[in-house]
Amino acid sequence: NSMYPADFIYENLMIETNIIHAAWRNQVKKMLFLGSSCIYPKLAGQPIKEEALLTGALEPTNDAYAIAKIAGIKLCQAYNEQYGTAYISVMPTNLYGPHDNFDLVSSHVLPALMRKCHEAKLTGSPNFTVWGTGTPVREFLYVDDLADACLYLMRTYNDSKIVNIGTGVGVSIKDLAFEIAKTVGYDGEVVFDTSKPDGTPIKINDVTYLASLGWTAPTDLNTGLLRTYEWFCQNYQ
């Protein structure tokens, strides 16, 4: 987001514009558009309801991506309104799981911490470092649960209203780091580099609407971390 804002906004706009229009031209009956919880205002009320969209300023560090995703939502809604299509939009929270990106430069917080912790264990390092104060609160959804939710909604949902997908449960980055250390079996010190940015203070999806539609996430964080770490160890080399 920070290094490639032009790529983020251009490529996402091109992907969604071409695919959504092509779907309509080719009479696709049902389509699902994946947004992101970063579409919501930086200071949205917590947990974030679907109605918070476009009610405030975005987080500046990822606004290029967010603007592209918001445009995709509006495209789906416009085609539904004008052409009677059934294009639905879902907003997943932070994802993790097998096949994640574990690169230390370009990955998200959970896989980055897992790799850092694993390598600290391998090298016998007395500590590993976490960016920021550890106080921000985030929500994490196991990737297979997202797939299950998407399939469920494709089979049962036809409304233009966007749908949050998540667990509705937040965890501080500090607690996440300790939970990862426990999962990895690392008994060194967790150090917080407070010179690094924290980002948005808290971000949790309100999943009340999704629950009312009949779906809730089945995988808790501990179980998801164990499955993710097992895959990571098998594929570390």
C-alpha atoms as a PDB file:
ATOM      1  CA  ASN A   1       0.000   0.000   0.000  1.00  0.00           C
ATOM      2  CA  SER A   2       2.698   2.457   0.960  1.00  0.00           C
ATOM      3  CA  MET A   3       5.117   1.633  -1.857  1.00  0.00           C
ATOM      4  CA  TYR A   4       2.764   0.962  -4.763  1.00  0.00           C
ATOM      5  CA  PRO A   5      -0.407   3.102  -4.440  1.00  0.00           C
ATOM      6  CA  ALA A   6      -0.598   3.699  -8.199  1.00  0.00           C
ATOM      7  CA  ASP A   7      -0.413  -0.025  -8.926  1.00  0.00           C
ATOM      8  CA  PHE A   8      -3.043  -0.740  -6.286  1.00  0.00           C
ATOM      9  CA  ILE A   9      -5.629   1.708  -7.591  1.00  0.00           C
ATOM     10  CA  TYR A  10      -4.961   1.159 -11.307  1.00  0.00           C
ATOM     11  CA  GLU A  11      -4.813  -2.643 -11.338  1.00  0.00           C
ATOM     12  CA  ASN A  12      -7.822  -3.110  -9.067  1.00  0.00           C
ATOM     13  CA  LEU A  13      -9.915  -0.630 -11.058  1.00  0.00           C
ATOM     14  CA  MET A  14      -9.005  -2.375 -14.321  1.00  0.00           C
ATOM     15  CA  ILE A  15      -9.716  -5.856 -12.947  1.00  0.00           C
ATOM     16  CA  GLU A  16     -13.136  -5.016 -11.537  1.00  0.00           C
ATOM     17  CA  THR A  17     -14.241  -2.772 -14.415  1.00  0.00           C
ATOM     18  CA  ASN A  18     -13.393  -5.362 -17.054  1.00  0.00           C
ATOM     19  CA  ILE A  19     -14.779  -8.366 -15.171  1.00  0.00           C
ATOM     20  CA  ILE A  20     -18.030  -6.799 -13.958  1.00  0.00           C
ATOM     21  CA  HIS A  21     -18.837  -5.355 -17.384  1.00  0.00           C
ATOM     22  CA  ALA A  22     -17.888  -8.613 -19.124  1.00  0.00           C
ATOM     23  CA  ALA A  23     -20.091 -10.549 -16.695  1.00  0.00           C
ATOM     24  CA  TRP A  24     -23.061  -8.370 -17.657  1.00  0.00           C
ATOM     25  CA  ARG A  25     -22.325  -8.606 -21.401  1.00  0.00           C
ATOM     26  CA  ASN A  26     -22.131 -12.385 -21.179  1.00  0.00           C
ATOM     27  CA  GLN A  27     -25.280 -12.692 -19.056  1.00  0.00           C
ATOM     28  CA  VAL A  28     -23.580 -14.123 -15.970  1.00  0.00           C
ATOM     29  CA  LYS A  29     -26.402 -14.866 -13.563  1.00  0.00           C
ATOM     30  CA  LYS A  30     -24.560 -14.488 -10.271  1.00  0.00           C
ATOM     31  CA  MET A  31     -21.283 -12.868  -9.297  1.00  0.00           C
ATOM     32  CA  LEU A  32     -19.506 -12.154  -6.017  1.00  0.00           C
ATOM     33  CA  PHE A  33     -17.199  -9.163  -5.591  1.00  0.00           C
ATOM     34  CA  LEU A  34     -14.628  -9.306  -2.803  1.00  0.00           C
ATOM     35  CA  GLY A  35     -14.040  -6.006  -1.111  1.00  0.00           C
ATOM     36  CA  SER A  36     -12.103  -5.432   2.096  1.00  0.00           C
ATOM     37  CA  SER A  37     -12.720  -4.026   5.545  1.00  0.00           C
ATOM     38  CA  CYS A  38     -10.296  -1.213   4.646  1.00  0.00           C
ATOM     39  CA  ILE A  39     -13.112   0.396   2.631  1.00  0.00           C
ATOM     40  CA  TYR A  40     -14.498   1.825   5.860  1.00  0.00           C
ATOM     41  CA  PRO A  41     -13.594   5.218   7.391  1.00  0.00           C
ATOM     42  CA  LYS A  42     -10.490   5.288   9.576  1.00  0.00           C
ATOM     43  CA  LEU A  43     -12.491   6.412  12.586  1.00  0.00           C
ATOM     44  CA  ALA A  44     -15.627   4.372  11.962  1.00  0.00           C
ATOM     45  CA  GLY A  45     -17.558   3.250  15.005  1.00  0.00           C
ATOM     46  CA  GLN A  46     -16.550  -0.188  16.302  1.00  0.00           C
ATOM     47  CA  PRO A  47     -17.443  -2.847  15.461  1.00  0.00           C
ATOM     48  CA  ILE A  48     -17.890  -1.547  11.908  1.00  0.00           C
ATOM     49  CA  LYS A  49     -21.373  -1.856  10.449  1.00  0.00           C
ATOM     50  CA  GLU A  50     -21.977  -2.031   6.699  1.00  0.00           C
ATOM     51  CA  GLU A  51     -23.755   1.322   6.915  1.00  0.00           C
ATOM     52  CA  ALA A  52     -20.459   3.051   7.819  1.00  0.00           C
ATOM     53  CA  LEU A  53     -19.334   2.990   4.174  1.00  0.00           C
ATOM     54  CA  LEU A  54     -18.591   6.519   2.851  1.00  0.00           C
ATOM     55  CA  THR A  55     -19.435   8.235   6.141  1.00  0.00           C
ATOM     56  CA  GLY A  56     -15.911   9.536   6.805  1.00  0.00           C
ATOM     57  CA  ALA A  57     -12.290   9.849   5.683  1.00  0.00           C
ATOM     58  CA  LEU A  58     -10.307   6.723   4.846  1.00  0.00           C
ATOM     59  CA  GLU A  59      -7.041   5.554   6.426  1.00  0.00           C
ATOM     60  CA  PRO A  60      -4.483   7.522   4.302  1.00  0.00           C
ATOM     61  CA  THR A  61      -1.981   4.644   4.098  1.00  0.00           C
ATOM     62  CA  ASN A  62      -4.368   2.417   2.134  1.00  0.00           C
ATOM     63  CA  ASP A  63      -6.795   4.843   0.507  1.00  0.00           C
ATOM     64  CA  ALA A  64      -5.730   3.910  -3.054  1.00  0.00           C
ATOM     65  CA  TYR A  65      -6.761   0.299  -2.488  1.00  0.00           C
ATOM     66  CA  ALA A  66      -9.898   1.308  -0.594  1.00  0.00           C
ATOM     67  CA  ILE A  67     -11.069   3.703  -3.315  1.00  0.00           C
ATOM     68  CA  ALA A  68     -10.678   0.965  -5.934  1.00  0.00           C
ATOM     69  CA  LYS A  69     -12.674  -1.483  -3.823  1.00  0.00           C
ATOM     70  CA  ILE A  70     -15.426   1.073  -3.162  1.00  0.00           C
ATOM     71  CA  ALA A  71     -15.671   1.669  -6.925  1.00  0.00           C
ATOM     72  CA  GLY A  72     -16.175  -2.076  -7.418  1.00  0.00           C
ATOM     73  CA  ILE A  73     -18.992  -2.132  -4.870  1.00  0.00           C
ATOM     74  CA  LYS A  74     -20.693   0.784  -6.597  1.00  0.00           C
ATOM     75  CA  LEU A  75     -20.287  -0.883 -10.000  1.00  0.00           C
ATOM     76  CA  CYS A  76     -22.048  -4.009  -8.734  1.00  0.00           C
ATOM     77  CA  GLN A  77     -24.852  -1.975  -7.199  1.00  0.00           C
ATOM     78  CA  ALA A  78     -25.251   0.130 -10.348  1.00  0.00           C
ATOM     79  CA  TYR A  79     -25.500  -2.905 -12.624  1.00  0.00           C
ATOM     80  CA  ASN A  80     -28.020  -4.468 -10.251  1.00  0.00           C
ATOM     81  CA  GLU A  81     -30.101  -1.294 -10.314  1.00  0.00           C
ATOM     82  CA  GLN A  82     -29.922  -0.663 -14.053  1.00  0.00           C
ATOM     83  CA  TYR A  83     -29.843  -4.191 -15.461  1.00  0.00           C
ATOM     84  CA  GLY A  84     -31.389  -6.362 -12.742  1.00  0.00           C
ATOM     85  CA  THR A  85     -28.252  -8.428 -12.203  1.00  0.00           C
ATOM     86  CA  ALA A  86     -27.467 -10.361  -9.005  1.00  0.00           C
ATOM     87  CA  TYR A  87     -23.975  -9.099  -8.192  1.00  0.00           C
ATOM     88  CA  ILE A  88     -23.222  -9.299  -4.469  1.00  0.00           C
ATOM     89  CA  SER A  89     -20.362  -7.668  -2.562  1.00  0.00           C
ATOM     90  CA  VAL A  90     -18.716  -8.989   0.598  1.00  0.00           C
ATOM     91  CA  MET A  91     -16.203  -7.306   2.896  1.00  0.00           C
ATOM     92  CA  PRO A  92     -13.827  -9.769   4.572  1.00  0.00           C
ATOM     93  CA  THR A  93     -11.718  -8.834   7.547  1.00  0.00           C
ATOM     94  CA  ASN A  94      -7.974  -9.664   7.825  1.00  0.00           C
ATOM     95  CA  LEU A  95      -7.319 -13.158   6.488  1.00  0.00           C
ATOM     96  CA  TYR A  96      -4.709 -15.759   7.370  1.00  0.00           C
ATOM     97  CA  GLY A  97      -4.024 -19.427   6.820  1.00  0.00           C
ATOM     98  CA  PRO A  98      -2.171 -21.921   4.608  1.00  0.00           C
ATOM     99  CA  HIS A  99      -0.657 -20.504   1.401  1.00  0.00           C
ATOM    100  CA  ASP A 100      -0.422 -17.020   2.928  1.00  0.00           C
ATOM    101  CA  ASN A 101       2.345 -14.594   1.955  1.00  0.00           C
ATOM    102  CA  PHE A 102       5.088 -14.955   4.570  1.00  0.00           C
ATOM    103  CA  ASP A 103       7.522 -12.485   2.987  1.00  0.00           C
ATOM    104  CA  LEU A 104       8.845 -10.150   5.687  1.00  0.00           C
ATOM    105  CA  VAL A 105       8.561  -7.055   3.464  1.00  0.00           C
ATOM    106  CA  SER A 106       5.205  -7.513   1.735  1.00  0.00           C
ATOM    107  CA  SER A 107       3.198  -9.741   4.097  1.00  0.00           C
ATOM    108  CA  HIS A 108       0.485  -8.778   6.558  1.00  0.00           C
ATOM    109  CA  VAL A 109       0.987  -8.755  10.312  1.00  0.00           C
ATOM    110  CA  LEU A 110       0.029 -12.317  11.262  1.00  0.00           C
ATOM    111  CA  PRO A 111       2.172 -14.251   8.744  1.00  0.00           C
ATOM    112  CA  ALA A 112       5.059 -11.808   9.255  1.00  0.00           C
ATOM    113  CA  LEU A 113       5.001 -12.383  13.018  1.00  0.00           C
ATOM    114  CA  MET A 114       4.763 -16.143  12.548  1.00  0.00           C
ATOM    115  CA  ARG A 115       7.833 -16.199  10.327  1.00  0.00           C
ATOM    116  CA  LYS A 116       9.784 -13.848  12.616  1.00  0.00           C
ATOM    117  CA  CYS A 117       8.957 -15.987  15.621  1.00  0.00           C
ATOM    118  CA  HIS A 118       9.779 -19.245  13.839  1.00  0.00           C
ATOM    119  CA  GLU A 119      13.170 -17.936  12.690  1.00  0.00           C
ATOM    120  CA  ALA A 120      13.941 -16.598  16.176  1.00  0.00           C
ATOM    121  CA  LYS A 121      13.272 -20.106  17.477  1.00  0.00           C
ATOM    122  CA  LEU A 122      15.483 -21.699  14.808  1.00  0.00           C
ATOM    123  CA  THR A 123      18.417 -19.367  15.479  1.00  0.00           C
ATOM    124  CA  GLY A 124      18.035 -19.343  19.249  1.00  0.00           C
ATOM    125  CA  SER A 125      17.502 -15.597  19.257  1.00  0.00           C
ATOM    126  CA  PRO A 126      16.626 -14.207  22.720  1.00  0.00           C
ATOM    127  CA  ASN A 127      13.821 -12.054  21.228  1.00  0.00           C
ATOM    128  CA  PHE A 128      11.853 -11.114  18.164  1.00  0.00           C
ATOM    129  CA  THR A 129      10.505  -7.677  17.280  1.00  0.00           C
ATOM    130  CA  VAL A 130       6.929  -6.543  16.682  1.00  0.00           C
ATOM    131  CA  TRP A 131       6.253  -3.218  14.972  1.00  0.00           C
ATOM    132  CA  GLY A 132       4.402  -0.594  17.019  1.00  0.00           C
ATOM    133  CA  THR A 133       3.117  -0.563  20.567  1.00  0.00           C
ATOM    134  CA  GLY A 134       1.083  -3.755  20.292  1.00  0.00           C
ATOM    135  CA  THR A 135      -2.098  -1.938  21.358  1.00  0.00           C
ATOM    136  CA  PRO A 136      -4.020  -1.854  18.035  1.00  0.00           C
ATOM    137  CA  VAL A 137      -6.861  -4.354  17.888  1.00  0.00           C
ATOM    138  CA  ARG A 138      -7.523  -6.420  14.772  1.00  0.00           C
ATOM    139  CA  GLU A 139      -9.845  -9.217  13.709  1.00  0.00           C
ATOM    140  CA  PHE A 140      -8.569 -12.314  11.909  1.00  0.00           C
ATOM    141  CA  LEU A 141     -10.545 -14.783   9.805  1.00  0.00           C
ATOM    142  CA  TYR A 142      -9.243 -18.207   8.802  1.00  0.00           C
ATOM    143  CA  VAL A 143      -9.126 -18.326   5.006  1.00  0.00           C
ATOM    144  CA  ASP A 144     -11.175 -21.527   4.624  1.00  0.00           C
ATOM    145  CA  ASP A 145     -13.960 -19.877   6.611  1.00  0.00           C
ATOM    146  CA  LEU A 146     -14.039 -17.017   4.104  1.00  0.00           C
ATOM    147  CA  ALA A 147     -14.367 -19.509   1.253  1.00  0.00           C
ATOM    148  CA  ASP A 148     -17.226 -21.224   3.078  1.00  0.00           C
ATOM    149  CA  ALA A 149     -19.004 -17.916   3.708  1.00  0.00           C
ATOM    150  CA  CYS A 150     -18.647 -16.878   0.057  1.00  0.00           C
ATOM    151  CA  LEU A 151     -20.129 -20.152  -1.167  1.00  0.00           C
ATOM    152  CA  TYR A 152     -22.960 -19.852   1.352  1.00  0.00           C
ATOM    153  CA  LEU A 153     -23.828 -16.327   0.180  1.00  0.00           C
ATOM    154  CA  MET A 154     -23.568 -17.247  -3.500  1.00  0.00           C
ATOM    155  CA  ARG A 155     -26.201 -19.910  -2.864  1.00  0.00           C
ATOM    156  CA  THR A 156     -28.518 -17.913  -0.618  1.00  0.00           C
ATOM    157  CA  TYR A 157     -28.026 -14.129  -0.998  1.00  0.00           C
ATOM    158  CA  ASN A 158     -29.131 -11.795  -3.807  1.00  0.00           C
ATOM    159  CA  ASP A 159     -29.276  -8.310  -2.269  1.00  0.00           C
ATOM    160  CA  SER A 160     -27.193  -5.271  -3.244  1.00  0.00           C
ATOM    161  CA  LYS A 161     -26.399  -4.485   0.387  1.00  0.00           C
ATOM    162  CA  ILE A 162     -22.770  -5.247   1.178  1.00  0.00           C
ATOM    163  CA  VAL A 163     -22.067  -8.016   3.707  1.00  0.00           C
ATOM    164  CA  ASN A 164     -19.244  -8.038   6.266  1.00  0.00           C
ATOM    165  CA  ILE A 165     -17.480 -11.362   6.727  1.00  0.00           C
ATOM    166  CA  GLY A 166     -15.450 -12.018   9.861  1.00  0.00           C
ATOM    167  CA  THR A 167     -15.534 -13.414  13.353  1.00  0.00           C
ATOM    168  CA  GLY A 168     -16.620 -10.224  15.101  1.00  0.00           C
ATOM    169  CA  VAL A 169     -13.862 -10.888  17.668  1.00  0.00           C
ATOM    170  CA  GLY A 170     -10.849  -8.603  18.066  1.00  0.00           C
ATOM    171  CA  VAL A 171      -7.384  -9.323  19.438  1.00  0.00           C
ATOM    172  CA  SER A 172      -4.610  -6.845  20.230  1.00  0.00           C
ATOM    173  CA  ILE A 173      -1.391  -7.163  18.240  1.00  0.00           C
ATOM    174  CA  LYS A 174       0.383  -7.756  21.564  1.00  0.00           C
ATOM    175  CA  ASP A 175      -1.869 -10.685  22.452  1.00  0.00           C
ATOM    176  CA  LEU A 176      -1.572 -11.997  18.900  1.00  0.00           C
ATOM    177  CA  ALA A 177       2.235 -11.955  19.145  1.00  0.00           C
ATOM    178  CA  PHE A 178       2.143 -13.913  22.417  1.00  0.00           C
ATOM    179  CA  GLU A 179      -0.354 -16.397  20.977  1.00  0.00           C
ATOM    180  CA  ILE A 180       1.878 -16.928  17.939  1.00  0.00           C
ATOM    181  CA  ALA A 181       4.899 -17.448  20.224  1.00  0.00           C
ATOM    182  CA  LYS A 182       2.886 -20.083  22.108  1.00  0.00           C
ATOM    183  CA  THR A 183       1.862 -21.777  18.860  1.00  0.00           C
ATOM    184  CA  VAL A 184       5.445 -21.787  17.557  1.00  0.00           C
ATOM    185  CA  GLY A 185       6.844 -22.964  20.880  1.00  0.00           C
ATOM    186  CA  TYR A 186       9.107 -19.937  21.282  1.00  0.00           C
ATOM    187  CA  ASP A 187       9.993 -18.940  24.843  1.00  0.00           C
ATOM    188  CA  GLY A 188      12.105 -15.832  24.140  1.00  0.00           C
ATOM    189  CA  GLU A 189      11.117 -12.208  24.687  1.00  0.00           C
ATOM    190  CA  VAL A 190       8.666 -10.321  22.499  1.00  0.00           C
ATOM    191  CA  VAL A 191       9.973  -6.775  21.885  1.00  0.00           C
ATOM    192  CA  PHE A 192       7.800  -3.899  20.643  1.00  0.00           C
ATOM    193  CA  ASP A 193       9.417  -1.278  18.389  1.00  0.00           C
ATOM    194  CA  THR A 194       7.406   1.811  19.305  1.00  0.00           C
ATOM    195  CA  SER A 195       9.181   3.900  16.645  1.00  0.00           C
ATOM    196  CA  LYS A 196       7.106   2.047  14.023  1.00  0.00           C
ATOM    197  CA  PRO A 197       3.517   3.115  13.198  1.00  0.00           C
ATOM    198  CA  ASP A 198       0.465   1.448  14.749  1.00  0.00           C
ATOM    199  CA  GLY A 199      -2.050   2.299  12.020  1.00  0.00           C
ATOM    200  CA  THR A 200      -5.768   2.322  12.774  1.00  0.00           C
ATOM    201  CA  PRO A 201      -6.334   1.898  16.562  1.00  0.00           C
ATOM    202  CA  ILE A 202      -9.082  -0.714  16.249  1.00  0.00           C
ATOM    203  CA  LYS A 203     -10.777  -2.460  13.350  1.00  0.00           C
ATOM    204  CA  ILE A 204     -13.415  -5.156  13.831  1.00  0.00           C
ATOM    205  CA  ASN A 205     -16.249  -6.049  11.467  1.00  0.00           C
ATOM    206  CA  ASP A 206     -19.777  -6.102  12.827  1.00  0.00           C
ATOM    207  CA  VAL A 207     -21.035  -9.466  11.557  1.00  0.00           C
ATOM    208  CA  THR A 208     -24.577  -9.201  12.935  1.00  0.00           C
ATOM    209  CA  TYR A 209     -26.050  -8.995   9.437  1.00  0.00           C
ATOM    210  CA  LEU A 210     -24.149 -12.076   8.252  1.00  0.00           C
ATOM    211  CA  ALA A 211     -25.282 -13.995  11.333  1.00  0.00           C
ATOM    212  CA  SER A 212     -28.880 -13.009  10.570  1.00  0.00           C
ATOM    213  CA  LEU A 213     -28.403 -14.559   7.137  1.00  0.00           C
ATOM    214  CA  GLY A 214     -27.445 -17.858   8.799  1.00  0.00           C
ATOM    215  CA  TRP A 215     -23.621 -18.016   8.781  1.00  0.00           C
ATOM    216  CA  THR A 216     -20.990 -17.695  11.526  1.00  0.00           C
ATOM    217  CA  ALA A 217     -17.252 -18.444  11.412  1.00  0.00           C
ATOM    218  CA  PRO A 218     -16.479 -21.948  12.776  1.00  0.00           C
ATOM    219  CA  THR A 219     -12.683 -21.651  13.287  1.00  0.00           C
ATOM    220  CA  ASP A 220     -11.322 -19.946  16.417  1.00  0.00           C
ATOM    221  CA  LEU A 221      -7.964 -18.144  16.344  1.00  0.00           C
ATOM    222  CA  ASN A 222      -6.035 -20.819  18.281  1.00  0.00           C
ATOM    223  CA  THR A 223      -7.147 -23.583  15.929  1.00  0.00           C
ATOM    224  CA  GLY A 224      -6.451 -21.453  12.872  1.00  0.00           C
ATOM    225  CA  LEU A 225      -2.951 -20.553  14.073  1.00  0.00           C
ATOM    226  CA  LEU A 226      -2.103 -24.224  14.681  1.00  0.00           C
ATOM    227  CA  ARG A 227      -3.272 -25.199  11.184  1.00  0.00           C
ATOM    228  CA  THR A 228      -1.394 -22.285   9.638  1.00  0.00           C
ATOM    229  CA  TYR A 229       1.832 -23.044  11.493  1.00  0.00           C
ATOM    230  CA  GLU A 230       1.649 -26.706  10.553  1.00  0.00           C
ATOM    231  CA  TRP A 231       1.412 -25.738   6.880  1.00  0.00           C
ATOM    232  CA  PHE A 232       4.191 -23.156   7.299  1.00  0.00           C
ATOM    233  CA  CYS A 233       6.576 -25.694   8.796  1.00  0.00           C
ATOM    234  CA  GLN A 234       5.887 -28.158   5.994  1.00  0.00           C
ATOM    235  CA  ASN A 235       6.589 -25.491   3.380  1.00  0.00           C
ATOM    236  CA  TYR A 236       9.217 -23.327   5.097  1.00  0.00           C
ATOM    237  CA  GLN A 237      12.100 -24.295   2.809  1.00  0.00           C
END
